[in-house]
Amino acid sequence: MLKSELIERLASEYPHMTQKDVERVVNLILDSMISTLEGGGRVELRGFGALSVRSRPARVGRNPRTGESVNVPAKHVPFFKSGKELRERLNLSGDDNE
């Protein structure tokens, strides 16, 4: 699902809100989540999952084309851990096949 599709779906489910208002709300939520992660915090959405930031150390990688060694700098990456309810709902359809 794209962000624009989410906005369209919410706007259709809540006709008392304009699409611009829904877009503002979605952007506000996402911006707040990003700000929390930038500050080193954790974002938890019960039943869905948790977002946090992990650090990756600097390392020596290889250019796949030339095989040449390349220094890859240290960086921070987002990490998502799914919640129990999300995992259970995703695996409901798999139970029928066993």
Protein backbone atom coordinates (compact mmCIF):
# COMPACT_ATOMS: atom_id res chain seq x y z
CA MET A 1 0.00 0.00 0.00
CA LEU A 2 1.30 3.42 -0.91
CA LYS A 3 0.96 6.48 1.30
CA SER A 4 -1.41 8.03 -1.27
CA GLU A 5 -3.57 4.88 -1.19
CA LEU A 6 -3.74 5.03 2.60
CA ILE A 7 -4.84 8.68 2.44
CA GLU A 8 -7.51 7.86 -0.16
CA ARG A 9 -8.83 4.93 1.89
CA LEU A 10 -9.01 6.97 5.10
CA ALA A 11 -10.68 9.87 3.29
CA SER A 12 -13.35 7.51 1.94
CA GLU A 13 -13.91 5.90 5.37
CA TYR A 14 -14.18 9.30 7.07
CA PRO A 15 -16.23 11.47 4.69
CA HIS A 16 -16.54 14.28 7.27
CA MET A 17 -12.81 14.94 6.77
CA THR A 18 -11.40 16.39 3.57
CA GLN A 19 -8.62 14.56 1.78
CA LYS A 20 -6.27 17.44 2.66
CA ASP A 21 -7.09 17.04 6.37
CA VAL A 22 -6.48 13.28 6.19
CA GLU A 23 -3.17 13.91 4.41
CA ARG A 24 -2.13 16.36 7.16
CA VAL A 25 -2.96 13.81 9.86
CA VAL A 26 -1.02 11.01 8.11
CA ASN A 27 1.98 13.31 7.57
CA LEU A 28 1.85 14.48 11.19
CA ILE A 29 1.88 10.88 12.46
CA LEU A 30 4.73 9.85 10.18
CA ASP A 31 6.77 12.98 10.99
CA SER A 32 6.30 12.34 14.70
CA MET A 33 7.47 8.74 14.30
CA ILE A 34 10.54 9.85 12.31
CA SER A 35 11.40 12.52 14.89
CA THR A 36 11.22 9.96 17.68
CA LEU A 37 13.53 7.59 15.78
CA GLU A 38 15.94 10.44 14.97
CA GLY A 39 16.18 11.16 18.69
CA GLY A 40 17.13 7.56 19.40
CA GLY A 41 13.67 6.60 20.63
CA ARG A 42 11.43 3.65 19.85
CA VAL A 43 7.99 3.67 18.24
CA GLU A 44 5.63 0.89 19.32
CA LEU A 45 2.24 0.25 17.76
CA ARG A 46 0.56 -2.42 19.89
CA GLY A 47 -0.46 -5.44 17.85
CA PHE A 48 1.45 -4.21 14.79
CA GLY A 49 5.09 -3.91 15.82
CA ALA A 50 7.93 -1.72 16.97
CA LEU A 51 10.38 0.48 15.10
CA SER A 52 13.81 1.27 16.46
CA VAL A 53 17.22 2.35 15.17
CA ARG A 54 20.22 0.04 15.08
CA SER A 55 23.83 0.99 14.46
CA ARG A 56 25.92 -0.79 11.89
CA PRO A 57 29.71 -0.55 12.32
CA ALA A 58 32.06 0.51 9.55
CA ARG A 59 33.29 -2.40 7.45
CA VAL A 60 35.19 -3.32 4.33
CA GLY A 61 32.93 -4.41 1.49
CA ARG A 62 33.56 -5.49 -2.09
CA ASN A 63 32.47 -3.94 -5.35
CA PRO A 64 30.66 -6.88 -7.01
CA ARG A 65 31.66 -5.75 -10.49
CA THR A 66 35.38 -5.32 -9.95
CA GLY A 67 36.01 -7.26 -6.72
CA GLU A 68 37.79 -4.16 -5.38
CA SER A 69 37.68 -3.50 -1.62
CA VAL A 70 35.49 -0.57 -0.60
CA ASN A 71 35.26 1.09 2.83
CA VAL A 72 31.63 1.23 3.97
CA PRO A 73 31.11 3.85 6.71
CA ALA A 74 29.22 3.22 9.96
CA LYS A 75 25.53 4.05 9.75
CA HIS A 76 22.19 3.92 11.53
CA VAL A 77 19.39 1.83 10.02
CA PRO A 78 15.71 1.47 10.92
CA PHE A 79 14.70 -1.90 12.38
CA PHE A 80 11.16 -3.29 12.52
CA LYS A 81 10.05 -6.08 14.83
CA SER A 82 6.54 -7.33 14.13
CA GLY A 83 4.05 -7.65 16.95
CA LYS A 84 2.47 -10.90 18.07
CA GLU A 85 -0.98 -10.04 16.70
CA LEU A 86 0.44 -9.18 13.25
CA ARG A 87 2.43 -12.44 13.10
CA GLU A 88 -0.63 -14.46 14.14
CA ARG A 89 -2.88 -12.81 11.54
CA LEU A 90 -0.32 -13.35 8.77
CA ASN A 91 -0.03 -17.02 9.66
CA LEU A 92 -3.76 -17.79 9.81
CA SER A 93 -3.91 -18.70 6.12
CA GLY A 94 -0.85 -20.97 6.47
CA ASP A 95 -2.69 -23.19 9.01
CA ASP A 96 -5.11 -24.42 6.32
CA ASN A 97 -2.29 -25.98 4.28
CA GLU A 98 -0.86 -28.13 7.07
